[in-house]
Amino acid sequence: IALAPLDKLAHFHRGHALRALRRHDDAVHAYARVLDIDPDDAAAHCTRAFLCLSTGDFETGWAEYEWRWRDSQLDASRRDFA
């Protein structure tokens, strides 16, 4: 990150590492940094949603969870109900 501060993948993986260390606030900031770099990164939105939901920030978590429909891996499970 020091060498390439705009490398969104580095920030994304930093967020994963921080989450694994249970440094949730720092992880949220790492994912926010990804979104500063690329506001349309669906994976970062979804991952931040899971983190927020697991730590009780339901308002942010559910709003971010809507980004799952923009993630190509999750979109395949979308159902079209009448």
C-alpha atoms as a PDB file:
ATOM      1  CA  ILE A   1       0.000   0.000   0.000  1.00  0.00           C
ATOM      2  CA  ALA A   2       2.899   2.338   0.718  1.00  0.00           C
ATOM      3  CA  LEU A   3       4.300   1.662  -2.768  1.00  0.00           C
ATOM      4  CA  ALA A   4       0.958   1.824  -4.594  1.00  0.00           C
ATOM      5  CA  PRO A   5      -1.598   3.729  -2.512  1.00  0.00           C
ATOM      6  CA  LEU A   6      -4.257   3.467  -5.238  1.00  0.00           C
ATOM      7  CA  ASP A   7      -4.037  -0.322  -5.520  1.00  0.00           C
ATOM      8  CA  LYS A   8      -7.597  -1.230  -4.588  1.00  0.00           C
ATOM      9  CA  LEU A   9      -6.810  -4.953  -4.402  1.00  0.00           C
ATOM     10  CA  ALA A  10      -4.168  -4.284  -1.744  1.00  0.00           C
ATOM     11  CA  HIS A  11      -6.683  -2.342   0.342  1.00  0.00           C
ATOM     12  CA  PHE A  12      -9.300  -5.057  -0.219  1.00  0.00           C
ATOM     13  CA  HIS A  13      -6.973  -7.774   1.066  1.00  0.00           C
ATOM     14  CA  ARG A  14      -5.895  -5.526   3.937  1.00  0.00           C
ATOM     15  CA  GLY A  15      -9.556  -5.372   4.926  1.00  0.00           C
ATOM     16  CA  HIS A  16      -9.745  -9.180   4.882  1.00  0.00           C
ATOM     17  CA  ALA A  17      -6.646  -9.467   7.063  1.00  0.00           C
ATOM     18  CA  LEU A  18      -7.945  -6.897   9.530  1.00  0.00           C
ATOM     19  CA  ARG A  19     -11.304  -8.645   9.684  1.00  0.00           C
ATOM     20  CA  ALA A  20      -9.567 -11.937  10.443  1.00  0.00           C
ATOM     21  CA  LEU A  21      -7.742 -10.178  13.287  1.00  0.00           C
ATOM     22  CA  ARG A  22     -11.128  -8.911  14.540  1.00  0.00           C
ATOM     23  CA  ARG A  23     -10.068  -5.326  13.959  1.00  0.00           C
ATOM     24  CA  HIS A  24     -13.472  -4.562  12.523  1.00  0.00           C
ATOM     25  CA  ASP A  25     -13.299  -0.760  12.558  1.00  0.00           C
ATOM     26  CA  ASP A  26      -9.984  -0.833  10.727  1.00  0.00           C
ATOM     27  CA  ALA A  27     -11.394  -3.346   8.235  1.00  0.00           C
ATOM     28  CA  VAL A  28     -14.372  -1.085   7.522  1.00  0.00           C
ATOM     29  CA  HIS A  29     -11.942   1.752   6.814  1.00  0.00           C
ATOM     30  CA  ALA A  30      -9.906  -0.466   4.480  1.00  0.00           C
ATOM     31  CA  TYR A  31     -13.024  -1.358   2.492  1.00  0.00           C
ATOM     32  CA  ALA A  32     -14.021   2.314   2.481  1.00  0.00           C
ATOM     33  CA  ARG A  33     -10.636   3.105   0.960  1.00  0.00           C
ATOM     34  CA  VAL A  34     -11.356   0.606  -1.833  1.00  0.00           C
ATOM     35  CA  LEU A  35     -14.619   2.421  -2.462  1.00  0.00           C
ATOM     36  CA  ASP A  36     -12.858   5.788  -2.462  1.00  0.00           C
ATOM     37  CA  ILE A  37     -10.699   4.440  -5.284  1.00  0.00           C
ATOM     38  CA  ASP A  38     -13.540   2.653  -7.119  1.00  0.00           C
ATOM     39  CA  PRO A  39     -17.056   3.521  -5.902  1.00  0.00           C
ATOM     40  CA  ASP A  40     -18.593   0.821  -8.118  1.00  0.00           C
ATOM     41  CA  ASP A  41     -16.600  -2.118  -6.719  1.00  0.00           C
ATOM     42  CA  ALA A  42     -19.417  -4.545  -5.937  1.00  0.00           C
ATOM     43  CA  ALA A  43     -17.145  -7.013  -4.121  1.00  0.00           C
ATOM     44  CA  ALA A  44     -16.007  -4.326  -1.673  1.00  0.00           C
ATOM     45  CA  HIS A  45     -19.602  -3.227  -1.061  1.00  0.00           C
ATOM     46  CA  CYS A  46     -20.702  -6.834  -0.451  1.00  0.00           C
ATOM     47  CA  THR A  47     -17.798  -7.634   1.826  1.00  0.00           C
ATOM     48  CA  ARG A  48     -18.374  -4.456   3.805  1.00  0.00           C
ATOM     49  CA  ALA A  49     -22.066  -5.441   4.037  1.00  0.00           C
ATOM     50  CA  PHE A  50     -21.185  -8.821   5.555  1.00  0.00           C
ATOM     51  CA  LEU A  51     -18.832  -7.141   8.032  1.00  0.00           C
ATOM     52  CA  CYS A  52     -21.396  -4.514   9.051  1.00  0.00           C
ATOM     53  CA  LEU A  53     -24.146  -7.106   9.458  1.00  0.00           C
ATOM     54  CA  SER A  54     -21.914  -9.357  11.550  1.00  0.00           C
ATOM     55  CA  THR A  55     -20.993  -6.478  13.874  1.00  0.00           C
ATOM     56  CA  GLY A  56     -24.561  -5.222  14.326  1.00  0.00           C
ATOM     57  CA  ASP A  57     -24.509  -2.203  11.996  1.00  0.00           C
ATOM     58  CA  PHE A  58     -27.686  -3.345  10.281  1.00  0.00           C
ATOM     59  CA  GLU A  59     -28.630  -0.060   8.625  1.00  0.00           C
ATOM     60  CA  THR A  60     -25.353   0.160   6.713  1.00  0.00           C
ATOM     61  CA  GLY A  61     -25.110  -3.586   6.246  1.00  0.00           C
ATOM     62  CA  TRP A  62     -28.503  -4.063   4.610  1.00  0.00           C
ATOM     63  CA  ALA A  63     -28.017  -1.027   2.364  1.00  0.00           C
ATOM     64  CA  GLU A  64     -24.622  -2.328   1.225  1.00  0.00           C
ATOM     65  CA  TYR A  65     -26.007  -5.852   0.778  1.00  0.00           C
ATOM     66  CA  GLU A  66     -28.089  -4.619  -2.171  1.00  0.00           C
ATOM     67  CA  TRP A  67     -24.821  -4.410  -4.113  1.00  0.00           C
ATOM     68  CA  ARG A  68     -24.838  -8.210  -4.313  1.00  0.00           C
ATOM     69  CA  TRP A  69     -26.976  -7.931  -7.450  1.00  0.00           C
ATOM     70  CA  ARG A  70     -24.107  -6.145  -9.186  1.00  0.00           C
ATOM     71  CA  ASP A  71     -21.627  -8.909  -8.316  1.00  0.00           C
ATOM     72  CA  SER A  72     -21.411 -11.400 -11.191  1.00  0.00           C
ATOM     73  CA  GLN A  73     -20.807 -14.285  -8.772  1.00  0.00           C
ATOM     74  CA  LEU A  74     -23.939 -13.551  -6.736  1.00  0.00           C
ATOM     75  CA  ASP A  75     -26.212 -12.312  -9.513  1.00  0.00           C
ATOM     76  CA  ALA A  76     -26.712 -15.860 -10.836  1.00  0.00           C
ATOM     77  CA  SER A  77     -28.762 -16.683  -7.716  1.00  0.00           C
ATOM     78  CA  ARG A  78     -31.194 -13.823  -8.301  1.00  0.00           C
ATOM     79  CA  ARG A  79     -34.779 -14.898  -8.825  1.00  0.00           C
ATOM     80  CA  ASP A  80     -37.334 -13.022 -10.882  1.00  0.00           C
ATOM     81  CA  PHE A  81     -40.583 -13.329  -8.960  1.00  0.00           C
ATOM     82  CA  ALA A  82     -43.860 -12.136 -10.424  1.00  0.00           C
END
